[in-house]
Amino acid sequence: MSNSETAGHPPIYERLIHERGDAPAEARQAAQQVQRRANEALDWSDLRASQKKREEGFFSAFD
């Protein structure tokens, strides 16, 4: 095995990245962005805290 193969990617992969871009890195970045957006969309913690504050402020004869 040559030095270039042991230190990083094989030469053919390096050439493909140079010619066509780093598709795995781009896909990883896109997936991370989608995951962040999904987490933001599914974060209901503000609604739960708001509801709890409202419930604490109301009097209930059944408590």
Foldseek 3Di string as FASTA:
>chain_A
DDPCVVPDHDPVVVVCCVVPNDVVVVVVVVVVVVVVVVCVVPDCVVVVVVVVVVVVPDDDPVD
